[in-house]
Amino acid sequence: MIQLKDVSYVRLGSPDLESAENFATACLGLQIAERGKKDLYLRSDARAHTLCYSEGDPSDQTVGFEVEDEASLQEAASTLESLGHAVHAGSAHEAEQRKVRAFIGFRDPTGNHIELVVRPERSGRRYFASRDAGITGFSHIGLNSIDPARDERFWTQVCNARVSDRIGDIPLMRVNAIHHTIALVRAPKAGIQHINHQVENSDDVLRSYYFLSERRVLYFKGPDGMIFEYSVGVDEIEDEATHRPRQFGFEPTSFCMWGSKPAGMALPNN
């Protein structure tokens, strides 16, 4: 079984890096870590970067997950190849671009591009937000899934993900003690459905709501339609042996205690 430690980064293609930078700093509140000729690296915590905009097609979207070491990486590659997944072994130059020791790339059953990485760089500098958003770190991602039940089996049987809870047919899955790192959202094609950052408290969520509303960022959509999300108070699963997934209805209050409608998702009676 592939042992994922945590989500490490997201890489997004963008035809306009200047607009991406303006959104990520002025609206989202991330810190610029590094500017390259064709890449923009951004921080949200102690990691060297958690989001990278790369000049190119917006449909080029990648999620990186950390694994323990290079032996684990090779075992993961063998497991994936045995299951029929084409595996790309990253070159030294590609690893340098991702600020990792080594990595492999593959596609999950829906076609989402996933990378498994070893020793992602951390920054020796403190993280300072570009605005007072209260961000404490990159938390989780939503992945599009053509078949959530099938893809849940991949993440739980091939990888070490465990279902914490379900909202309708959306499994919220953890790879460590944090309640969820991956959410699978039914969609007609592959892609990243949303990117989540944790903030310190509820006041930070409301502060950002007013800040973004004043700037007409009503649905918190970034460049090329990518959905970003703030949340607070993520649970931890303290006892793996006794935890049982709960089933929540597919309705606004299951996603948010205030009952707000998730951006880009059709809900009943909306």
C-alpha atoms as a PDB file:
ATOM      1  CA  MET A   1       0.000   0.000   0.000  1.00  0.00           C
ATOM      2  CA  ILE A   2       1.231   3.497  -0.856  1.00  0.00           C
ATOM      3  CA  GLN A   3       1.728   5.441   2.370  1.00  0.00           C
ATOM      4  CA  LEU A   4       0.931   9.122   1.832  1.00  0.00           C
ATOM      5  CA  LYS A   5       2.122  11.455   4.610  1.00  0.00           C
ATOM      6  CA  ASP A   6       0.432  14.704   3.638  1.00  0.00           C
ATOM      7  CA  VAL A   7      -0.526  16.896   0.705  1.00  0.00           C
ATOM      8  CA  SER A   8       2.531  18.921  -0.302  1.00  0.00           C
ATOM      9  CA  TYR A   9       1.658  21.338  -3.104  1.00  0.00           C
ATOM     10  CA  VAL A  10      -0.575  22.206  -6.009  1.00  0.00           C
ATOM     11  CA  ARG A  11       0.740  23.206  -9.438  1.00  0.00           C
ATOM     12  CA  LEU A  12      -1.584  25.152 -11.722  1.00  0.00           C
ATOM     13  CA  GLY A  13      -1.084  26.222 -15.317  1.00  0.00           C
ATOM     14  CA  SER A  14      -1.882  29.861 -16.053  1.00  0.00           C
ATOM     15  CA  PRO A  15      -1.672  31.924 -19.256  1.00  0.00           C
ATOM     16  CA  ASP A  16      -1.265  35.124 -17.201  1.00  0.00           C
ATOM     17  CA  LEU A  17       1.194  34.903 -14.310  1.00  0.00           C
ATOM     18  CA  GLU A  18       0.752  38.583 -13.450  1.00  0.00           C
ATOM     19  CA  SER A  19      -2.979  38.128 -12.822  1.00  0.00           C
ATOM     20  CA  ALA A  20      -2.280  34.925 -10.879  1.00  0.00           C
ATOM     21  CA  GLU A  21       0.222  36.768  -8.685  1.00  0.00           C
ATOM     22  CA  ASN A  22      -2.178  39.632  -8.047  1.00  0.00           C
ATOM     23  CA  PHE A  23      -4.923  37.243  -6.972  1.00  0.00           C
ATOM     24  CA  ALA A  24      -2.677  35.033  -4.832  1.00  0.00           C
ATOM     25  CA  THR A  25      -1.204  37.968  -2.924  1.00  0.00           C
ATOM     26  CA  ALA A  26      -3.871  40.699  -2.872  1.00  0.00           C
ATOM     27  CA  CYS A  27      -6.913  38.421  -2.493  1.00  0.00           C
ATOM     28  CA  LEU A  28      -5.799  35.038  -1.218  1.00  0.00           C
ATOM     29  CA  GLY A  29      -3.079  36.371   1.075  1.00  0.00           C
ATOM     30  CA  LEU A  30      -0.183  34.073   0.166  1.00  0.00           C
ATOM     31  CA  GLN A  31       3.474  35.055   0.357  1.00  0.00           C
ATOM     32  CA  ILE A  32       5.656  35.056  -2.735  1.00  0.00           C
ATOM     33  CA  ALA A  33       8.469  32.570  -2.196  1.00  0.00           C
ATOM     34  CA  GLU A  34      10.191  32.861  -5.564  1.00  0.00           C
ATOM     35  CA  ARG A  35       9.622  34.175  -9.068  1.00  0.00           C
ATOM     36  CA  GLY A  36      11.026  32.306 -12.020  1.00  0.00           C
ATOM     37  CA  LYS A  37      10.826  33.027 -15.727  1.00  0.00           C
ATOM     38  CA  LYS A  38       7.827  30.742 -16.110  1.00  0.00           C
ATOM     39  CA  ASP A  39       6.944  29.818 -12.520  1.00  0.00           C
ATOM     40  CA  LEU A  40       5.582  31.659  -9.488  1.00  0.00           C
ATOM     41  CA  TYR A  41       6.045  29.937  -6.117  1.00  0.00           C
ATOM     42  CA  LEU A  42       3.813  30.873  -3.178  1.00  0.00           C
ATOM     43  CA  ARG A  43       3.858  29.968   0.524  1.00  0.00           C
ATOM     44  CA  SER A  44       1.118  29.539   3.091  1.00  0.00           C
ATOM     45  CA  ASP A  45       3.110  27.894   5.901  1.00  0.00           C
ATOM     46  CA  ALA A  46       6.602  26.615   6.743  1.00  0.00           C
ATOM     47  CA  ARG A  47       6.956  24.726   3.472  1.00  0.00           C
ATOM     48  CA  ALA A  48       9.100  26.278   0.727  1.00  0.00           C
ATOM     49  CA  HIS A  49       5.949  26.493  -1.395  1.00  0.00           C
ATOM     50  CA  THR A  50       2.420  25.110  -1.381  1.00  0.00           C
ATOM     51  CA  LEU A  51       1.138  26.636  -4.635  1.00  0.00           C
ATOM     52  CA  CYS A  52       2.966  27.106  -7.912  1.00  0.00           C
ATOM     53  CA  TYR A  53       1.556  28.872 -10.946  1.00  0.00           C
ATOM     54  CA  SER A  54       3.371  27.764 -14.082  1.00  0.00           C
ATOM     55  CA  GLU A  55       3.016  29.516 -17.416  1.00  0.00           C
ATOM     56  CA  GLY A  56       0.833  27.309 -19.575  1.00  0.00           C
ATOM     57  CA  ASP A  57      -2.557  25.679 -20.071  1.00  0.00           C
ATOM     58  CA  PRO A  58      -5.019  26.146 -17.154  1.00  0.00           C
ATOM     59  CA  SER A  59      -6.089  22.522 -17.572  1.00  0.00           C
ATOM     60  CA  ASP A  60      -2.596  21.456 -16.457  1.00  0.00           C
ATOM     61  CA  GLN A  61      -3.252  20.815 -12.764  1.00  0.00           C
ATOM     62  CA  THR A  62      -1.188  18.676 -10.405  1.00  0.00           C
ATOM     63  CA  VAL A  63      -1.420  17.713  -6.740  1.00  0.00           C
ATOM     64  CA  GLY A  64       1.724  16.578  -4.944  1.00  0.00           C
ATOM     65  CA  PHE A  65       1.690  14.229  -1.932  1.00  0.00           C
ATOM     66  CA  GLU A  66       4.672  13.482   0.280  1.00  0.00           C
ATOM     67  CA  VAL A  67       5.894   9.933   0.912  1.00  0.00           C
ATOM     68  CA  GLU A  68       8.498   8.842   3.452  1.00  0.00           C
ATOM     69  CA  ASP A  69      11.634   8.161   1.400  1.00  0.00           C
ATOM     70  CA  GLU A  70      12.992   7.065  -1.965  1.00  0.00           C
ATOM     71  CA  ALA A  71      12.468   3.375  -1.180  1.00  0.00           C
ATOM     72  CA  SER A  72       8.782   4.140  -0.574  1.00  0.00           C
ATOM     73  CA  LEU A  73       8.713   6.056  -3.843  1.00  0.00           C
ATOM     74  CA  GLN A  74      10.085   3.105  -5.784  1.00  0.00           C
ATOM     75  CA  GLU A  75       7.620   0.737  -4.117  1.00  0.00           C
ATOM     76  CA  ALA A  76       4.799   3.119  -5.047  1.00  0.00           C
ATOM     77  CA  ALA A  77       5.967   3.181  -8.674  1.00  0.00           C
ATOM     78  CA  SER A  78       6.011  -0.622  -8.807  1.00  0.00           C
ATOM     79  CA  THR A  79       2.537  -0.848  -7.249  1.00  0.00           C
ATOM     80  CA  LEU A  80       1.067   1.674  -9.689  1.00  0.00           C
ATOM     81  CA  GLU A  81       2.665   0.060 -12.740  1.00  0.00           C
ATOM     82  CA  SER A  82       1.382  -3.355 -11.662  1.00  0.00           C
ATOM     83  CA  LEU A  83      -2.131  -1.861 -11.627  1.00  0.00           C
ATOM     84  CA  GLY A  84      -1.763  -0.437 -15.124  1.00  0.00           C
ATOM     85  CA  HIS A  85      -0.981   3.191 -14.257  1.00  0.00           C
ATOM     86  CA  ALA A  86       1.726   4.741 -16.432  1.00  0.00           C
ATOM     87  CA  VAL A  87       4.397   6.205 -14.131  1.00  0.00           C
ATOM     88  CA  HIS A  88       6.759   9.061 -14.968  1.00  0.00           C
ATOM     89  CA  ALA A  89      10.009   9.217 -13.004  1.00  0.00           C
ATOM     90  CA  GLY A  90      10.883  12.871 -12.557  1.00  0.00           C
ATOM     91  CA  SER A  91      14.240  14.089 -13.835  1.00  0.00           C
ATOM     92  CA  ALA A  92      16.687  15.982 -11.638  1.00  0.00           C
ATOM     93  CA  HIS A  93      15.625  19.229 -13.333  1.00  0.00           C
ATOM     94  CA  GLU A  94      11.924  18.499 -12.797  1.00  0.00           C
ATOM     95  CA  ALA A  95      12.589  17.664  -9.125  1.00  0.00           C
ATOM     96  CA  GLU A  96      14.448  20.954  -8.748  1.00  0.00           C
ATOM     97  CA  GLN A  97      11.443  22.780 -10.226  1.00  0.00           C
ATOM     98  CA  ARG A  98       9.218  21.161  -7.607  1.00  0.00           C
ATOM     99  CA  LYS A  99      11.737  21.758  -4.811  1.00  0.00           C
ATOM    100  CA  VAL A 100      11.821  18.084  -3.859  1.00  0.00           C
ATOM    101  CA  ARG A 101      14.474  15.383  -3.643  1.00  0.00           C
ATOM    102  CA  ALA A 102      12.687  13.046  -6.091  1.00  0.00           C
ATOM    103  CA  PHE A 103       9.207  12.369  -7.426  1.00  0.00           C
ATOM    104  CA  ILE A 104       7.040  10.260  -9.698  1.00  0.00           C
ATOM    105  CA  GLY A 105       3.931  11.287 -11.607  1.00  0.00           C
ATOM    106  CA  PHE A 106       0.833   9.293 -12.573  1.00  0.00           C
ATOM    107  CA  ARG A 107      -2.908   9.733 -13.110  1.00  0.00           C
ATOM    108  CA  ASP A 108      -5.620   8.455 -10.795  1.00  0.00           C
ATOM    109  CA  PRO A 109      -8.564   6.479 -12.258  1.00  0.00           C
ATOM    110  CA  THR A 110     -10.444   9.679 -13.228  1.00  0.00           C
ATOM    111  CA  GLY A 111      -7.332  11.154 -14.853  1.00  0.00           C
ATOM    112  CA  ASN A 112      -6.210  13.643 -12.208  1.00  0.00           C
ATOM    113  CA  HIS A 113      -2.459  14.226 -12.366  1.00  0.00           C
ATOM    114  CA  ILE A 114      -0.829  13.200  -9.097  1.00  0.00           C
ATOM    115  CA  GLU A 115       2.798  13.415  -8.002  1.00  0.00           C
ATOM    116  CA  LEU A 116       4.396  11.546  -5.118  1.00  0.00           C
ATOM    117  CA  VAL A 117       7.382  13.404  -3.717  1.00  0.00           C
ATOM    118  CA  VAL A 118      10.254  12.791  -1.332  1.00  0.00           C
ATOM    119  CA  ARG A 119      11.718  15.439   0.969  1.00  0.00           C
ATOM    120  CA  PRO A 120       9.875  18.580  -0.140  1.00  0.00           C
ATOM    121  CA  GLU A 121      11.838  21.642   0.893  1.00  0.00           C
ATOM    122  CA  ARG A 122      10.887  23.661   3.941  1.00  0.00           C
ATOM    123  CA  SER A 123      11.733  27.302   4.367  1.00  0.00           C
ATOM    124  CA  GLY A 124      13.999  28.632   7.090  1.00  0.00           C
ATOM    125  CA  ARG A 125      12.122  31.922   6.943  1.00  0.00           C
ATOM    126  CA  ARG A 126       8.906  32.616   8.811  1.00  0.00           C
ATOM    127  CA  TYR A 127       5.748  32.773   6.735  1.00  0.00           C
ATOM    128  CA  PHE A 128       4.316  36.275   6.453  1.00  0.00           C
ATOM    129  CA  ALA A 129       0.959  36.676   4.739  1.00  0.00           C
ATOM    130  CA  SER A 130       0.688  39.336   2.038  1.00  0.00           C
ATOM    131  CA  ARG A 131      -2.507  40.529   3.747  1.00  0.00           C
ATOM    132  CA  ASP A 132      -4.117  39.851   7.117  1.00  0.00           C
ATOM    133  CA  ALA A 133      -5.993  36.712   6.060  1.00  0.00           C
ATOM    134  CA  GLY A 134      -5.093  34.657   9.148  1.00  0.00           C
ATOM    135  CA  ILE A 135      -3.861  31.688   7.086  1.00  0.00           C
ATOM    136  CA  THR A 136      -2.178  28.986   9.158  1.00  0.00           C
ATOM    137  CA  GLY A 137      -1.466  26.560   6.330  1.00  0.00           C
ATOM    138  CA  PHE A 138      -2.403  24.633   3.204  1.00  0.00           C
ATOM    139  CA  SER A 139      -4.915  22.003   4.306  1.00  0.00           C
ATOM    140  CA  HIS A 140      -6.710  19.934   1.672  1.00  0.00           C
ATOM    141  CA  ILE A 141      -7.870  19.627  -1.915  1.00  0.00           C
ATOM    142  CA  GLY A 142     -11.057  18.578  -3.651  1.00  0.00           C
ATOM    143  CA  LEU A 143     -10.545  16.331  -6.668  1.00  0.00           C
ATOM    144  CA  ASN A 144     -13.044  15.865  -9.465  1.00  0.00           C
ATOM    145  CA  SER A 145     -14.184  12.276  -9.844  1.00  0.00           C
ATOM    146  CA  ILE A 146     -16.136  10.695 -12.669  1.00  0.00           C
ATOM    147  CA  ASP A 147     -16.936   7.793 -10.328  1.00  0.00           C
ATOM    148  CA  PRO A 148     -16.486   8.638  -6.604  1.00  0.00           C
ATOM    149  CA  ALA A 149     -17.088   5.041  -5.425  1.00  0.00           C
ATOM    150  CA  ARG A 150     -14.422   3.674  -7.780  1.00  0.00           C
ATOM    151  CA  ASP A 151     -11.961   6.436  -6.946  1.00  0.00           C
ATOM    152  CA  GLU A 152     -12.582   5.987  -3.230  1.00  0.00           C
ATOM    153  CA  ARG A 153     -11.470   2.370  -3.621  1.00  0.00           C
ATOM    154  CA  PHE A 154      -8.267   3.532  -5.326  1.00  0.00           C
ATOM    155  CA  TRP A 155      -7.373   6.014  -2.585  1.00  0.00           C
ATOM    156  CA  THR A 156      -8.290   3.655   0.264  1.00  0.00           C
ATOM    157  CA  GLN A 157      -7.113   0.303  -1.123  1.00  0.00           C
ATOM    158  CA  VAL A 158      -4.062   1.328  -3.190  1.00  0.00           C
ATOM    159  CA  CYS A 159      -3.123   4.274  -0.959  1.00  0.00           C
ATOM    160  CA  ASN A 160      -3.536   4.684   2.794  1.00  0.00           C
ATOM    161  CA  ALA A 161      -6.481   7.110   2.725  1.00  0.00           C
ATOM    162  CA  ARG A 162      -9.306   6.462   5.197  1.00  0.00           C
ATOM    163  CA  VAL A 163     -12.819   7.858   4.948  1.00  0.00           C
ATOM    164  CA  SER A 164     -13.551  10.199   7.852  1.00  0.00           C
ATOM    165  CA  ASP A 165     -17.082  11.224   6.831  1.00  0.00           C
ATOM    166  CA  ARG A 166     -19.296  11.505   3.747  1.00  0.00           C
ATOM    167  CA  ILE A 167     -21.444  14.349   2.443  1.00  0.00           C
ATOM    168  CA  GLY A 168     -23.865  12.731   0.037  1.00  0.00           C
ATOM    169  CA  ASP A 169     -21.567  10.600  -2.133  1.00  0.00           C
ATOM    170  CA  ILE A 170     -18.524  12.824  -1.435  1.00  0.00           C
ATOM    171  CA  PRO A 171     -15.972  10.954   0.695  1.00  0.00           C
ATOM    172  CA  LEU A 172     -13.799  13.128   2.949  1.00  0.00           C
ATOM    173  CA  MET A 173     -10.572  11.165   3.334  1.00  0.00           C
ATOM    174  CA  ARG A 174      -7.562  11.519   5.614  1.00  0.00           C
ATOM    175  CA  VAL A 175      -3.993  10.293   5.189  1.00  0.00           C
ATOM    176  CA  ASN A 176      -2.879  11.333   8.686  1.00  0.00           C
ATOM    177  CA  ALA A 177      -4.685  12.486  11.835  1.00  0.00           C
ATOM    178  CA  ILE A 178      -6.221  15.564  10.170  1.00  0.00           C
ATOM    179  CA  HIS A 179      -9.901  14.945   9.376  1.00  0.00           C
ATOM    180  CA  HIS A 180      -9.485  15.119   5.616  1.00  0.00           C
ATOM    181  CA  THR A 181      -6.830  15.832   3.027  1.00  0.00           C
ATOM    182  CA  ILE A 182      -8.795  14.703  -0.045  1.00  0.00           C
ATOM    183  CA  ALA A 183     -12.439  15.147  -1.002  1.00  0.00           C
ATOM    184  CA  LEU A 184     -13.818  13.426  -4.107  1.00  0.00           C
ATOM    185  CA  VAL A 185     -16.479  15.471  -5.892  1.00  0.00           C
ATOM    186  CA  ARG A 186     -18.545  14.017  -8.742  1.00  0.00           C
ATOM    187  CA  ALA A 187     -17.770  15.803 -12.021  1.00  0.00           C
ATOM    188  CA  PRO A 188     -17.763  14.988 -15.745  1.00  0.00           C
ATOM    189  CA  LYS A 189     -13.987  15.337 -16.137  1.00  0.00           C
ATOM    190  CA  ALA A 190     -10.726  15.369 -14.213  1.00  0.00           C
ATOM    191  CA  GLY A 191      -9.494  18.453 -12.395  1.00  0.00           C
ATOM    192  CA  ILE A 192      -8.968  20.071  -9.022  1.00  0.00           C
ATOM    193  CA  GLN A 193     -12.375  21.054  -7.624  1.00  0.00           C
ATOM    194  CA  HIS A 194     -11.085  23.334  -4.860  1.00  0.00           C
ATOM    195  CA  ILE A 195      -8.011  24.262  -2.817  1.00  0.00           C
ATOM    196  CA  ASN A 196      -8.376  24.819   0.925  1.00  0.00           C
ATOM    197  CA  HIS A 197      -6.352  26.862   3.401  1.00  0.00           C
ATOM    198  CA  GLN A 198      -6.955  26.824   7.130  1.00  0.00           C
ATOM    199  CA  VAL A 199      -7.225  30.123   9.005  1.00  0.00           C
ATOM    200  CA  GLU A 200      -6.842  30.882  12.692  1.00  0.00           C
ATOM    201  CA  ASN A 201     -10.470  31.515  13.675  1.00  0.00           C
ATOM    202  CA  SER A 202     -13.969  32.350  12.472  1.00  0.00           C
ATOM    203  CA  ASP A 203     -13.241  36.076  12.549  1.00  0.00           C
ATOM    204  CA  ASP A 204     -10.646  35.511   9.839  1.00  0.00           C
ATOM    205  CA  VAL A 205     -13.260  33.824   7.637  1.00  0.00           C
ATOM    206  CA  LEU A 206     -15.679  36.730   8.065  1.00  0.00           C
ATOM    207  CA  ARG A 207     -12.928  39.311   7.592  1.00  0.00           C
ATOM    208  CA  SER A 208     -12.002  37.710   4.287  1.00  0.00           C
ATOM    209  CA  TYR A 209     -15.658  37.463   3.284  1.00  0.00           C
ATOM    210  CA  TYR A 210     -16.086  41.225   3.575  1.00  0.00           C
ATOM    211  CA  PHE A 211     -12.684  41.883   2.008  1.00  0.00           C
ATOM    212  CA  LEU A 212     -13.444  39.728  -1.025  1.00  0.00           C
ATOM    213  CA  SER A 213     -17.044  40.921  -1.369  1.00  0.00           C
ATOM    214  CA  GLU A 214     -15.869  44.531  -1.516  1.00  0.00           C
ATOM    215  CA  ARG A 215     -13.614  43.525  -4.402  1.00  0.00           C
ATOM    216  CA  ARG A 216     -16.444  41.654  -6.123  1.00  0.00           C
ATOM    217  CA  VAL A 217     -14.760  38.272  -5.599  1.00  0.00           C
ATOM    218  CA  LEU A 218     -18.129  36.763  -4.725  1.00  0.00           C
ATOM    219  CA  TYR A 219     -17.463  33.079  -5.156  1.00  0.00           C
ATOM    220  CA  PHE A 220     -13.759  33.146  -4.230  1.00  0.00           C
ATOM    221  CA  LYS A 221     -12.759  32.017  -7.688  1.00  0.00           C
ATOM    222  CA  GLY A 222      -9.182  32.630  -8.689  1.00  0.00           C
ATOM    223  CA  PRO A 223      -7.630  32.828 -12.141  1.00  0.00           C
ATOM    224  CA  ASP A 224      -9.068  30.396 -14.705  1.00  0.00           C
ATOM    225  CA  GLY A 225     -12.031  29.545 -12.457  1.00  0.00           C
ATOM    226  CA  MET A 226     -10.122  27.674  -9.730  1.00  0.00           C
ATOM    227  CA  ILE A 227     -12.079  27.672  -6.462  1.00  0.00           C
ATOM    228  CA  PHE A 228     -10.274  28.562  -3.236  1.00  0.00           C
ATOM    229  CA  GLU A 229     -11.660  28.033   0.243  1.00  0.00           C
ATOM    230  CA  TYR A 230     -10.925  29.157   3.795  1.00  0.00           C
ATOM    231  CA  SER A 231     -11.982  27.018   6.745  1.00  0.00           C
ATOM    232  CA  VAL A 232     -11.390  26.936  10.480  1.00  0.00           C
ATOM    233  CA  GLY A 233     -11.428  24.334  13.234  1.00  0.00           C
ATOM    234  CA  VAL A 234     -10.487  21.201  11.311  1.00  0.00           C
ATOM    235  CA  ASP A 235     -11.009  18.062  13.400  1.00  0.00           C
ATOM    236  CA  GLU A 236      -8.425  15.389  14.109  1.00  0.00           C
ATOM    237  CA  ILE A 237      -9.195  11.678  14.295  1.00  0.00           C
ATOM    238  CA  GLU A 238      -7.712  10.668  17.631  1.00  0.00           C
ATOM    239  CA  ASP A 239      -8.631   6.971  17.662  1.00  0.00           C
ATOM    240  CA  GLU A 240      -8.306   5.123  14.377  1.00  0.00           C
ATOM    241  CA  ALA A 241      -9.642   1.903  15.851  1.00  0.00           C
ATOM    242  CA  THR A 242     -12.985   3.300  16.982  1.00  0.00           C
ATOM    243  CA  HIS A 243     -13.710   5.993  14.383  1.00  0.00           C
ATOM    244  CA  ARG A 244     -16.682   5.304  12.114  1.00  0.00           C
ATOM    245  CA  PRO A 245     -17.507   7.562   9.135  1.00  0.00           C
ATOM    246  CA  ARG A 246     -20.661   9.614   9.502  1.00  0.00           C
ATOM    247  CA  GLN A 247     -23.117  10.221   6.661  1.00  0.00           C
ATOM    248  CA  PHE A 248     -24.248  13.819   6.137  1.00  0.00           C
ATOM    249  CA  GLY A 249     -26.933  14.994   3.759  1.00  0.00           C
ATOM    250  CA  PHE A 250     -25.954  16.725   0.535  1.00  0.00           C
ATOM    251  CA  GLU A 251     -26.988  20.209   1.660  1.00  0.00           C
ATOM    252  CA  PRO A 252     -25.305  23.542   2.485  1.00  0.00           C
ATOM    253  CA  THR A 253     -25.180  23.028   6.271  1.00  0.00           C
ATOM    254  CA  SER A 254     -23.170  19.835   5.761  1.00  0.00           C
ATOM    255  CA  PHE A 255     -20.422  21.837   4.060  1.00  0.00           C
ATOM    256  CA  CYS A 256     -20.502  24.933   6.266  1.00  0.00           C
ATOM    257  CA  MET A 257     -21.890  25.657   9.745  1.00  0.00           C
ATOM    258  CA  TRP A 258     -23.336  28.921   8.367  1.00  0.00           C
ATOM    259  CA  GLY A 259     -25.088  27.106   5.525  1.00  0.00           C
ATOM    260  CA  SER A 260     -23.239  28.869   2.723  1.00  0.00           C
ATOM    261  CA  LYS A 261     -23.408  27.231  -0.697  1.00  0.00           C
ATOM    262  CA  PRO A 262     -20.086  25.802  -1.934  1.00  0.00           C
ATOM    263  CA  ALA A 263     -18.917  27.574  -5.069  1.00  0.00           C
ATOM    264  CA  GLY A 264     -19.243  25.614  -8.285  1.00  0.00           C
ATOM    265  CA  MET A 265     -21.460  22.886  -6.823  1.00  0.00           C
ATOM    266  CA  ALA A 266     -25.136  22.326  -7.558  1.00  0.00           C
ATOM    267  CA  LEU A 267     -27.088  21.568  -4.387  1.00  0.00           C
ATOM    268  CA  PRO A 268     -30.751  20.652  -3.897  1.00  0.00           C
ATOM    269  CA  ASN A 269     -33.214  23.558  -3.629  1.00  0.00           C
ATOM    270  CA  ASN A 270     -30.666  26.065  -4.886  1.00  0.00           C
END
